């Protein structure tokens, strides 16, 4: 899912090299490699391409790759032969806006390119900018050349994405990963069988670049060309990297190294990618692609690594298709993201709702439990209160059964006293259950009538009314003692009940 495969295909007039790498995040790993030296040129004198010859060689290159054949229908970053491209660095005023830069470049390019701009595919790249000027790398290729390359690659079932410059590919292959080397001024010399490519980097950015046709047998001329190129750069060169298939001849390398006192080394593009030991064993068995000849693969490795900001001379319709594909891919990614985001939002909404529902139910259950506890407590309290009330009622009933109303008792007792008898004092002793009655009777007969009336009182046990007072004439004062039978006294509750009934 996170792996992507990219093929770097370096097509030059004398040879074709291919590197297939697998990209997994920041890791780049070699998958397959191959190189073919061409026995005859595929570009004719009339600038047409022998498509049959080139197609056969590319297919052979892919099927015989080590350790496994390179599959078709794969993304390809390709270089067009250096001799068929034109490159130039323009120094333009910094005040020219990026929107006007294209027109300014075309105006300047028409002055030095002998071919009509309308017959070219071109691209440009700002390589440096300061307060005074912009340095812009301009590159172009004839449309008929690029179109033929495109048709050939598609006939090989390949999916070309970029037509890059070999010089840019070499820079990708030799970019330093060490921070201390980033500030160095580096000279890169790529010496092929017929082409000398020269590049000077500062801060890993192109300062000047050029390519020249050479004859390998004329070493002195090659060295002179390198010296003249260096003089165009005003600063000191700290390091020189030599690269190219011609350097498999150690004599050329040694002569260049003896002339330049600066640090000189053979390029090692393998530092940019990881190669498994088993693959190294396989490729070392094939002399033309052995690791000792890695400098021959620098361009292909740089192409496979691909820097999106590099020059791209592929036909415009392919660029538009790639832009549309990127747009569609981006749209699909955004749509997928939105769908996933929506699904996640729904999922988390459901989870949140379920959690809230659970919390609500938990709260309700807890509340009901508390209510039950409180209800149980209230019930218990109510029950205790009722029991207490019943106990008090029972106690009161018991008390009422043992008590009686004195006022009611005396009122009933008074009814048994004749009306002609005047009561002067009445006293009731609860302890002895004795009524002491003092009064005045109008005569003797009234006293006798009083005694008879009191004897008919149902609650009396005995009556003590001395008859000595009966001999008196006129009004008679008397003192009577009436003993009461308390067991016959009506209870207090019964008296109240009877009174309520009467009411």
Protein backbone atom coordinates (compact mmCIF):
# COMPACT_ATOMS: atom_id res chain seq x y z
CA UNK A 1 0.00 0.00 0.00
CA UNK A 2 2.84 2.38 0.86
CA UNK A 3 5.21 1.14 -1.87
CA UNK A 4 5.66 2.87 -5.22
CA UNK A 5 7.87 1.79 -8.10
CA UNK A 6 9.72 4.18 -10.38
CA UNK A 7 11.84 3.43 -13.42
CA UNK A 8 14.74 5.69 -14.33
CA UNK A 9 15.51 5.28 -18.04
CA UNK A 10 18.59 7.07 -19.38
CA UNK A 11 18.60 6.98 -23.19
CA UNK A 12 21.82 8.15 -24.82
CA UNK A 13 23.14 7.64 -28.33
CA UNK A 14 25.72 5.02 -27.30
CA UNK A 15 23.92 3.20 -24.48
CA UNK A 16 20.68 2.82 -22.53
CA UNK A 17 20.55 2.21 -18.77
CA UNK A 18 17.60 1.38 -16.55
CA UNK A 19 17.15 1.42 -12.76
CA UNK A 20 13.93 0.30 -11.06
CA UNK A 21 13.60 1.39 -7.44
CA UNK A 22 10.97 0.85 -4.79
CA UNK A 23 10.05 3.81 -2.61
CA UNK A 24 8.72 3.14 0.86
CA UNK A 25 8.32 6.45 2.64
CA UNK A 26 11.88 7.89 2.67
CA UNK A 27 13.57 4.56 1.87
CA UNK A 28 14.67 3.91 -1.72
CA UNK A 29 15.61 0.35 -2.61
CA UNK A 30 17.03 -1.11 -5.81
CA UNK A 31 14.73 -3.65 -7.46
CA UNK A 32 16.21 -4.21 -10.93
CA UNK A 33 19.07 -2.87 -13.04
CA UNK A 34 20.37 -3.21 -16.60
CA UNK A 35 22.54 -1.56 -19.24
CA UNK A 36 22.85 -2.06 -23.01
CA UNK A 37 25.62 -0.68 -25.21
CA UNK A 38 24.25 0.13 -28.64
CA UNK A 39 26.10 -1.26 -31.64
CA UNK A 40 24.53 1.25 -34.01
CA UNK A 41 22.96 4.69 -33.46
CA UNK A 42 19.17 4.91 -33.38
CA UNK A 43 19.10 8.58 -34.46
CA UNK A 44 19.43 9.00 -38.21
CA UNK A 45 21.25 11.83 -39.93
CA UNK A 46 17.93 13.49 -40.82
CA UNK A 47 17.16 13.69 -37.06
CA UNK A 48 14.54 10.98 -37.26
CA UNK A 49 14.62 8.08 -34.84
CA UNK A 50 14.90 4.47 -35.87
CA UNK A 51 11.89 3.52 -33.78
CA UNK A 52 12.13 -0.21 -34.53
CA UNK A 53 15.75 -0.39 -33.38
CA UNK A 54 15.18 1.69 -30.24
CA UNK A 55 12.00 -0.22 -29.33
CA UNK A 56 13.76 -3.58 -29.63
CA UNK A 57 16.65 -2.38 -27.46
CA UNK A 58 14.35 -0.98 -24.75
CA UNK A 59 12.28 -4.17 -24.62
CA UNK A 60 15.46 -6.25 -24.45
CA UNK A 61 16.75 -3.96 -21.68
CA UNK A 62 13.60 -4.50 -19.60
CA UNK A 63 13.30 -8.27 -20.06
CA UNK A 64 16.98 -9.03 -19.31
CA UNK A 65 17.21 -6.83 -16.20
CA UNK A 66 18.92 -8.22 -13.09
CA UNK A 67 17.77 -9.80 -10.80
CA UNK A 68 14.21 -9.74 -12.21
CA UNK A 69 12.70 -8.37 -15.44
CA UNK A 70 11.25 -4.88 -15.25
CA UNK A 71 7.44 -5.01 -15.58
CA UNK A 72 5.51 -3.01 -18.15
CA UNK A 73 2.94 -0.31 -17.42
CA UNK A 74 5.14 1.37 -14.85
CA UNK A 75 5.91 5.03 -14.19
CA UNK A 76 9.00 6.13 -16.13
CA UNK A 77 11.24 9.16 -15.73
CA UNK A 78 13.24 9.34 -18.91
CA UNK A 79 16.09 11.45 -20.30
CA UNK A 80 16.41 12.48 -23.91
CA UNK A 81 19.90 12.22 -25.48
CA UNK A 82 21.94 15.25 -24.44
CA UNK A 83 22.91 15.96 -28.04
CA UNK A 84 19.22 16.46 -28.91
CA UNK A 85 18.48 19.01 -26.19
CA UNK A 86 19.41 22.65 -25.83
CA UNK A 87 20.16 24.21 -22.43
CA UNK A 88 21.09 27.73 -21.45
CA UNK A 89 21.17 29.80 -18.26
CA UNK A 90 19.61 33.24 -18.62
CA UNK A 91 20.35 36.08 -16.20
CA UNK A 92 17.19 38.18 -16.05
CA UNK A 93 16.33 41.26 -13.97
CA UNK A 94 14.80 40.34 -10.64
CA UNK A 95 11.98 42.83 -11.23
CA UNK A 96 10.49 40.50 -13.87
CA UNK A 97 7.59 38.78 -12.16
CA UNK A 98 7.15 35.03 -12.35
CA UNK A 99 4.01 35.59 -14.44
CA UNK A 100 6.02 37.48 -17.07
CA UNK A 101 9.03 35.19 -16.84
CA UNK A 102 7.89 32.80 -19.58
CA UNK A 103 7.47 35.54 -22.19
CA UNK A 104 10.81 37.08 -21.25
CA UNK A 105 12.58 33.73 -21.64
CA UNK A 106 11.01 33.06 -25.04
CA UNK A 107 12.05 36.51 -26.19
CA UNK A 108 15.65 35.88 -25.13
CA UNK A 109 15.68 32.28 -26.42
CA UNK A 110 14.68 33.35 -29.93
CA UNK A 111 17.91 35.34 -30.10
CA UNK A 112 20.19 32.32 -29.62
CA UNK A 113 18.20 29.30 -30.84
CA UNK A 114 18.20 28.84 -34.63
CA UNK A 115 14.94 26.88 -34.55
CA UNK A 116 11.46 28.48 -34.31
CA UNK A 117 10.12 28.38 -30.76
CA UNK A 118 6.82 27.02 -32.07
CA UNK A 119 8.58 23.78 -33.08
CA UNK A 120 10.02 23.21 -29.58
CA UNK A 121 8.89 21.80 -26.26
CA UNK A 122 10.50 23.92 -23.57
CA UNK A 123 10.62 24.27 -19.82
CA UNK A 124 12.53 26.38 -17.33
CA UNK A 125 13.62 26.39 -13.71
CA UNK A 126 14.73 29.25 -11.45
CA UNK A 127 18.03 28.02 -10.05
CA UNK A 128 19.14 31.12 -8.15
CA UNK A 129 17.84 34.54 -7.25
CA UNK A 130 19.35 37.57 -5.52
CA UNK A 131 18.52 41.24 -5.19
CA UNK A 132 19.79 42.06 -8.68
CA UNK A 133 18.92 39.14 -10.95
CA UNK A 134 17.31 35.77 -11.47
CA UNK A 135 19.25 32.83 -12.86
CA UNK A 136 16.92 30.69 -14.94
CA UNK A 137 17.81 27.35 -16.53
CA UNK A 138 16.06 27.11 -19.90
CA UNK A 139 15.84 23.80 -21.79
CA UNK A 140 14.12 22.72 -24.98
CA UNK A 141 13.84 19.85 -27.46
CA UNK A 142 12.39 19.60 -30.93
CA UNK A 143 8.79 18.45 -30.85
CA UNK A 144 9.27 15.72 -33.46
CA UNK A 145 12.09 14.17 -31.38
CA UNK A 146 10.08 14.23 -28.13
CA UNK A 147 6.94 12.92 -29.86
CA UNK A 148 8.84 9.99 -31.35
CA UNK A 149 10.34 9.10 -27.96
CA UNK A 150 6.88 9.22 -26.42
CA UNK A 151 5.43 6.87 -29.05
CA UNK A 152 8.31 4.41 -28.63
CA UNK A 153 7.98 4.30 -24.84
CA UNK A 154 4.23 3.80 -25.05
CA UNK A 155 4.74 1.00 -27.59
CA UNK A 156 6.89 -0.69 -24.91
CA UNK A 157 3.89 -0.45 -22.53
CA UNK A 158 5.67 2.11 -20.39
CA UNK A 159 4.05 5.12 -18.76
CA UNK A 160 6.38 8.11 -19.30
CA UNK A 161 5.86 10.93 -16.82
CA UNK A 162 8.87 13.19 -17.39
CA UNK A 163 11.50 13.89 -20.04
CA UNK A 164 14.29 15.26 -17.90
CA UNK A 165 17.79 16.54 -18.57
CA UNK A 166 20.71 14.22 -17.95
CA UNK A 167 22.47 17.02 -16.05
CA UNK A 168 19.58 17.33 -13.59
CA UNK A 169 19.52 13.57 -13.14
CA UNK A 170 23.23 13.55 -12.30
CA UNK A 171 22.66 16.25 -9.67
CA UNK A 172 19.93 14.12 -8.07
CA UNK A 173 22.30 11.15 -7.94
CA UNK A 174 25.14 13.03 -6.25
CA UNK A 175 23.32 15.29 -3.80
CA UNK A 176 25.18 15.23 -0.51
CA UNK A 177 23.33 13.99 2.56
CA UNK A 178 25.95 15.49 4.88
CA UNK A 179 25.08 18.96 6.16
CA UNK A 180 28.74 19.99 6.29
CA UNK A 181 29.07 19.44 2.53
CA UNK A 182 25.98 21.38 1.50
CA UNK A 183 27.87 24.70 1.37
CA UNK A 184 30.64 23.29 -0.87
CA UNK A 185 31.21 24.49 -4.43
CA UNK A 186 31.16 21.21 -6.34
CA UNK A 187 32.23 20.54 -9.93
CA UNK A 188 30.60 17.52 -11.59
CA UNK A 189 32.20 16.20 -14.79
CA UNK A 190 30.20 13.57 -16.66
CA UNK A 191 32.33 12.12 -19.45
CA UNK A 192 30.52 9.93 -21.93
CA UNK A 193 31.87 8.49 -25.14
CA UNK A 194 30.94 11.60 -27.14
CA UNK A 195 29.55 14.15 -24.65
CA UNK A 196 31.20 16.05 -21.79
CA UNK A 197 28.61 17.42 -19.34
CA UNK A 198 29.82 20.01 -16.82
CA UNK A 199 27.95 21.30 -13.77
CA UNK A 200 28.94 23.56 -10.88
CA UNK A 201 26.80 23.42 -7.74
CA UNK A 202 26.67 25.82 -4.82
CA UNK A 203 24.49 24.93 -1.88
CA UNK A 204 23.45 21.96 -4.06
CA UNK A 205 21.92 24.32 -6.64
CA UNK A 206 23.08 24.73 -10.24
CA UNK A 207 25.25 27.78 -10.81
CA UNK A 208 26.39 27.08 -14.35
CA UNK A 209 26.08 24.06 -16.64
CA UNK A 210 27.04 23.12 -20.18
CA UNK A 211 27.77 20.14 -22.40
CA UNK A 212 30.33 19.73 -25.19
CA UNK A 213 31.01 17.19 -27.91
CA UNK A 214 34.34 15.46 -27.32
CA UNK A 215 36.70 12.84 -28.66
CA UNK A 216 37.96 10.48 -25.96
CA UNK A 217 41.26 10.08 -27.72
CA UNK A 218 41.97 13.80 -27.25
CA UNK A 219 42.45 13.96 -23.48
CA UNK A 220 44.21 17.32 -23.62
CA UNK A 221 41.21 18.93 -25.28
CA UNK A 222 38.90 17.48 -22.64
CA UNK A 223 41.07 18.90 -19.86
CA UNK A 224 41.21 22.28 -21.57
CA UNK A 225 37.43 22.36 -21.88
CA UNK A 226 37.09 21.64 -18.17
CA UNK A 227 39.54 24.44 -17.27
CA UNK A 228 37.71 26.95 -19.46
CA UNK A 229 34.40 26.00 -17.85
CA UNK A 230 35.78 26.45 -14.32
CA UNK A 231 37.00 29.96 -15.18
CA UNK A 232 33.38 31.01 -15.75
CA UNK A 233 32.74 30.52 -12.03
CA UNK A 234 34.36 33.21 -9.86
CA UNK A 235 34.60 31.17 -6.66
CA UNK A 236 36.92 28.40 -5.58
CA UNK A 237 35.92 24.82 -6.34
CA UNK A 238 36.07 22.71 -3.17
CA UNK A 239 35.35 19.33 -4.68
CA UNK A 240 35.29 17.58 -8.07
CA UNK A 241 33.14 14.54 -8.84
CA UNK A 242 33.92 12.53 -11.96
CA UNK A 243 31.23 10.43 -13.57
CA UNK A 244 30.42 8.73 -16.86
CA UNK A 245 30.98 5.55 -18.79
CA UNK A 246 34.32 6.81 -20.21
CA UNK A 247 35.83 6.78 -16.71
CA UNK A 248 35.87 3.01 -16.69
CA UNK A 249 39.21 3.72 -18.33
CA UNK A 250 41.43 4.46 -15.32
CA UNK A 251 43.92 6.35 -17.48
CA UNK A 252 41.45 9.18 -18.10
CA UNK A 253 40.59 9.38 -14.40
CA UNK A 254 44.25 9.50 -13.33
CA UNK A 255 45.14 12.25 -15.81
CA UNK A 256 42.26 14.43 -14.66
CA UNK A 257 43.13 13.81 -11.02
CA UNK A 258 46.77 14.79 -11.58
CA UNK A 259 45.83 18.08 -13.22
CA UNK A 260 43.36 19.18 -10.53
CA UNK A 261 44.97 19.59 -7.10
CA UNK A 262 41.55 19.84 -5.48
CA UNK A 263 39.68 16.92 -3.97
CA UNK A 264 38.75 14.63 -6.85
CA UNK A 265 36.69 11.46 -6.55
CA UNK A 266 34.67 9.06 -8.61
CA UNK A 267 30.97 9.53 -8.13
CA UNK A 268 29.13 6.94 -6.07
CA UNK A 269 25.37 7.15 -6.72
CA UNK A 270 24.74 4.02 -4.64
CA UNK A 271 24.75 6.18 -1.51
CA UNK A 272 21.30 7.41 -2.53
CA UNK A 273 19.62 3.98 -2.60
CA UNK A 274 19.73 0.77 -0.61
CA UNK A 275 20.98 -2.36 -2.37
CA UNK A 276 20.49 -5.80 -0.84
CA UNK A 277 23.61 -8.02 -0.71
CA UNK A 278 21.90 -10.73 -2.78
CA UNK A 279 21.29 -8.25 -5.60
CA UNK A 280 24.93 -7.08 -5.43
CA UNK A 281 26.06 -10.69 -5.90
CA UNK A 282 23.82 -11.04 -8.94
CA UNK A 283 24.85 -7.81 -10.67
CA UNK A 284 28.57 -8.39 -10.03
CA UNK A 285 28.32 -11.53 -12.15
CA UNK A 286 27.45 -9.35 -15.14
CA UNK A 287 30.50 -7.19 -15.95
CA UNK A 288 28.64 -4.44 -17.80
CA UNK A 289 26.46 -3.70 -14.74
CA UNK A 290 28.88 -4.55 -11.92
CA UNK A 291 28.95 -2.21 -8.96
CA UNK A 292 32.44 -1.04 -9.91
CA UNK A 293 30.82 0.53 -12.96
CA UNK A 294 28.14 2.26 -10.89
CA UNK A 295 29.11 5.65 -12.33
CA UNK A 296 27.52 4.52 -15.59
CA UNK A 297 24.17 4.34 -13.77
CA UNK A 298 24.27 7.74 -12.08
CA UNK A 299 21.88 9.34 -14.57
CA UNK A 300 19.38 6.47 -14.38
CA UNK A 301 19.52 6.52 -10.57
CA UNK A 302 18.99 10.29 -10.54
CA UNK A 303 16.04 9.93 -12.91
CA UNK A 304 14.45 7.23 -10.73
CA UNK A 305 14.87 9.42 -7.64
CA UNK A 306 13.07 12.20 -9.57
CA UNK A 307 12.82 15.73 -8.25
CA UNK A 308 9.39 17.16 -9.08
CA UNK A 309 10.88 20.65 -9.49
CA UNK A 310 13.16 19.57 -12.35
CA UNK A 311 12.83 20.36 -16.04
CA UNK A 312 10.20 18.33 -17.90
CA UNK A 313 10.27 18.34 -21.72
CA UNK A 314 7.49 15.81 -22.22
CA UNK A 315 4.80 16.87 -24.76
CA UNK A 316 2.23 19.32 -23.42
CA UNK A 317 -0.72 16.97 -23.87
CA UNK A 318 0.96 14.44 -21.58
CA UNK A 319 1.64 17.16 -19.01
CA UNK A 320 -2.03 18.09 -19.13
CA UNK A 321 -3.03 14.45 -18.75
CA UNK A 322 -0.71 14.08 -15.77
CA UNK A 323 -2.14 17.23 -14.22
CA UNK A 324 -5.66 15.90 -14.74
CA UNK A 325 -4.62 12.55 -13.27
CA UNK A 326 -3.09 14.31 -10.28
CA UNK A 327 -6.24 16.40 -9.92
CA UNK A 328 -8.44 13.31 -10.15
CA UNK A 329 -6.18 11.48 -7.71
CA UNK A 330 -6.24 14.44 -5.34
CA UNK A 331 -10.02 14.69 -5.72
CA UNK A 332 -10.38 10.97 -5.02
CA UNK A 333 -8.10 11.27 -2.02
CA UNK A 334 -10.09 14.22 -0.71
CA UNK A 335 -13.36 12.37 -1.40
CA UNK A 336 -12.02 9.27 0.32
CA UNK A 337 -10.85 11.38 3.22
CA UNK A 338 -14.24 13.08 3.47
CA UNK A 339 -16.01 9.71 3.28
CA UNK A 340 -13.72 8.25 5.93
CA UNK A 341 -14.09 11.42 7.98
CA UNK A 342 -17.88 11.22 7.59
CA UNK A 343 -17.92 7.55 8.56
CA UNK A 344 -15.69 8.26 11.52
CA UNK A 345 -17.92 11.19 12.48
CA UNK A 346 -20.98 8.93 12.27
CA UNK A 347 -19.17 6.21 14.19
CA UNK A 348 -18.08 8.57 16.94
CA UNK A 349 -21.54 10.15 16.97
CA UNK A 350 -23.07 6.70 17.49
CA UNK A 351 -20.48 5.91 20.14
CA UNK A 352 -21.13 9.26 21.81
CA UNK A 353 -24.90 8.76 21.58
CA UNK A 354 -24.57 5.24 22.96
CA UNK A 355 -22.35 6.53 25.74
CA UNK A 356 -24.78 9.34 26.56
CA UNK A 357 -27.68 6.90 26.39
CA UNK A 358 -25.80 4.55 28.67
CA UNK A 359 -25.00 7.39 31.05
CA UNK A 360 -28.63 8.50 30.98
CA UNK A 361 -29.83 4.98 31.71
CA UNK A 362 -27.18 4.61 34.38
CA UNK A 363 -28.27 7.93 35.86
CA UNK A 364 -31.92 6.87 35.73
CA UNK A 365 -31.14 3.52 37.34
CA UNK A 366 -29.09 5.27 39.99
CA UNK A 367 -31.87 7.80 40.54
CA UNK A 368 -34.47 5.05 40.79
CA UNK A 369 -32.27 3.21 43.25
CA UNK A 370 -31.87 6.36 45.30
CA UNK A 371 -35.62 6.98 45.07
CA UNK A 372 -36.25 3.43 46.23
CA UNK A 373 -33.84 3.92 49.07
CA UNK A 374 -35.45 7.25 49.94
CA UNK A 375 -38.90 5.74 49.47
CA UNK A 376 -37.91 2.84 51.67
CA UNK A 377 -36.59 5.28 54.23
CA UNK A 378 -39.79 7.36 54.06
CA UNK A 379 -41.90 4.22 54.33
CA UNK A 380 -39.93 3.10 57.34
CA UNK A 381 -40.27 6.55 58.90
CA UNK A 382 -44.00 6.59 58.17
CA UNK A 383 -44.37 3.10 59.55
CA UNK A 384 -42.50 4.08 62.70
CA UNK A 385 -44.69 7.18 63.07
CA UNK A 386 -47.88 5.12 62.63
CA UNK A 387 -46.66 2.59 65.16
CA UNK A 388 -45.80 5.42 67.52
CA UNK A 389 -49.22 7.00 66.96
CA UNK A 390 -50.98 3.67 67.51
CA UNK A 391 -48.96 3.16 70.63
CA UNK A 392 -49.94 6.60 71.86
CA UNK A 393 -53.60 5.92 71.00
CA UNK A 394 -53.49 2.61 72.83
CA UNK A 395 -51.83 4.28 75.80
CA UNK A 396 -54.40 7.06 75.74
CA UNK A 397 -57.19 4.53 75.55
CA UNK A 398 -55.72 2.74 78.52
CA UNK A 399 -55.49 6.03 80.37
CA UNK A 400 -59.02 6.97 79.41
CA UNK A 401 -60.22 3.61 80.65
CA UNK A 402 -58.65 4.28 84.05
CA UNK A 403 -59.72 7.93 84.32
CA UNK A 404 -63.09 9.54 84.63
CA UNK A 405 -64.39 13.08 84.39
CA UNK A 406 -64.81 14.74 87.83
CA UNK A 407 -67.00 17.51 86.48
CA UNK A 408 -69.33 15.03 84.80
CA UNK A 409 -69.41 12.91 87.94
CA UNK A 410 -70.24 15.87 90.21
CA UNK A 411 -72.83 17.16 87.77
CA UNK A 412 -74.62 13.80 87.84
CA UNK A 413 -74.24 13.67 91.64
CA UNK A 414 -75.79 17.14 91.94
CA UNK A 415 -78.88 15.87 90.17
CA UNK A 416 -79.61 13.64 93.21
CA UNK A 417 -79.62 16.62 95.57
CA UNK A 418 -83.12 18.12 95.94
CA UNK A 419 -83.46 21.65 94.71
CA UNK A 420 -84.54 23.02 98.10
CA UNK A 421 -81.20 21.95 99.53
CA UNK A 422 -78.50 24.60 99.41
CA UNK A 423 -75.04 23.16 98.92
CA UNK A 424 -72.43 25.33 100.61
CA UNK A 425 -69.44 23.07 100.02
CA UNK A 426 -68.66 19.91 98.14
CA UNK A 427 -65.33 18.13 98.17
CA UNK A 428 -64.22 14.91 96.50
CA UNK A 429 -61.22 12.94 97.73
CA UNK A 430 -59.95 10.75 94.88
CA UNK A 431 -57.79 8.62 97.10
CA UNK A 432 -60.55 7.67 99.54
CA UNK A 433 -63.30 7.99 96.93
CA UNK A 434 -65.29 10.02 99.46
CA UNK A 435 -67.62 12.99 98.82
CA UNK A 436 -67.94 15.52 101.65
CA UNK A 437 -71.12 17.50 101.22
CA UNK A 438 -71.92 20.58 103.40
CA UNK A 439 -75.27 22.27 103.02
CA UNK A 440 -78.40 23.84 104.54
CA UNK A 441 -81.83 22.23 104.44
CA UNK A 442 -84.99 24.27 105.04
CA UNK A 443 -86.33 21.70 107.52
CA UNK A 444 -86.08 18.17 108.83
CA UNK A 445 -88.14 16.67 106.06
CA UNK A 446 -85.81 18.11 103.45
CA UNK A 447 -82.83 16.37 105.12
CA UNK A 448 -84.70 13.06 105.14
CA UNK A 449 -85.58 13.54 101.47
CA UNK A 450 -81.91 14.28 100.72
CA UNK A 451 -80.79 11.09 102.37
CA UNK A 452 -83.31 9.01 100.48
CA UNK A 453 -82.34 10.64 97.20
CA UNK A 454 -78.63 10.02 97.81
CA UNK A 455 -79.31 6.41 98.71
CA UNK A 456 -80.80 5.99 95.24
CA UNK A 457 -77.57 7.27 93.63
CA UNK A 458 -76.16 4.16 91.88
CA UNK A 459 -72.52 4.99 92.50
CA UNK A 460 -72.77 5.35 96.27
CA UNK A 461 -71.54 2.63 98.53
CA UNK A 462 -72.61 4.21 101.80
CA UNK A 463 -74.01 7.48 103.16
CA UNK A 464 -73.17 9.00 106.50
CA UNK A 465 -75.69 11.74 107.35
CA UNK A 466 -75.96 12.22 111.16
CA UNK A 467 -79.64 12.44 112.17
CA UNK A 468 -78.83 14.47 115.32
CA UNK A 469 -79.24 17.57 113.32
CA UNK A 470 -82.81 16.56 112.53
CA UNK A 471 -84.07 17.77 115.99
CA UNK A 472 -83.23 21.32 115.08
CA UNK A 473 -86.08 23.62 114.15
CA UNK A 474 -85.98 25.88 111.15
CA UNK A 475 -83.06 25.70 108.76
CA UNK A 476 -80.78 22.79 109.36
CA UNK A 477 -77.03 22.70 108.60
CA UNK A 478 -75.71 19.26 107.79
CA UNK A 479 -72.56 17.43 106.75
CA UNK A 480 -72.91 14.28 104.69
CA UNK A 481 -70.20 11.78 103.76
CA UNK A 482 -70.91 9.68 100.68
CA UNK A 483 -68.57 6.80 99.85
CA UNK A 484 -68.34 6.17 96.07
CA UNK A 485 -67.90 2.81 94.33
CA UNK A 486 -65.09 3.71 91.85
CA UNK A 487 -65.59 0.51 89.87
CA UNK A 488 -68.96 1.80 88.77
CA UNK A 489 -67.57 5.15 87.61
CA UNK A 490 -67.87 5.49 83.78
CA UNK A 491 -64.49 5.75 81.96
CA UNK A 492 -63.44 9.12 80.58
CA UNK A 493 -63.53 7.89 76.97
CA UNK A 494 -67.05 6.54 77.38
CA UNK A 495 -68.25 9.77 78.84
CA UNK A 496 -66.75 11.73 75.92
CA UNK A 497 -68.26 9.30 73.46
CA UNK A 498 -71.68 9.65 75.04
CA UNK A 499 -71.38 13.41 75.01
CA UNK A 500 -70.46 13.37 71.30
CA UNK A 501 -73.47 11.19 70.58
CA UNK A 502 -75.72 13.56 72.49
CA UNK A 503 -74.34 16.49 70.53
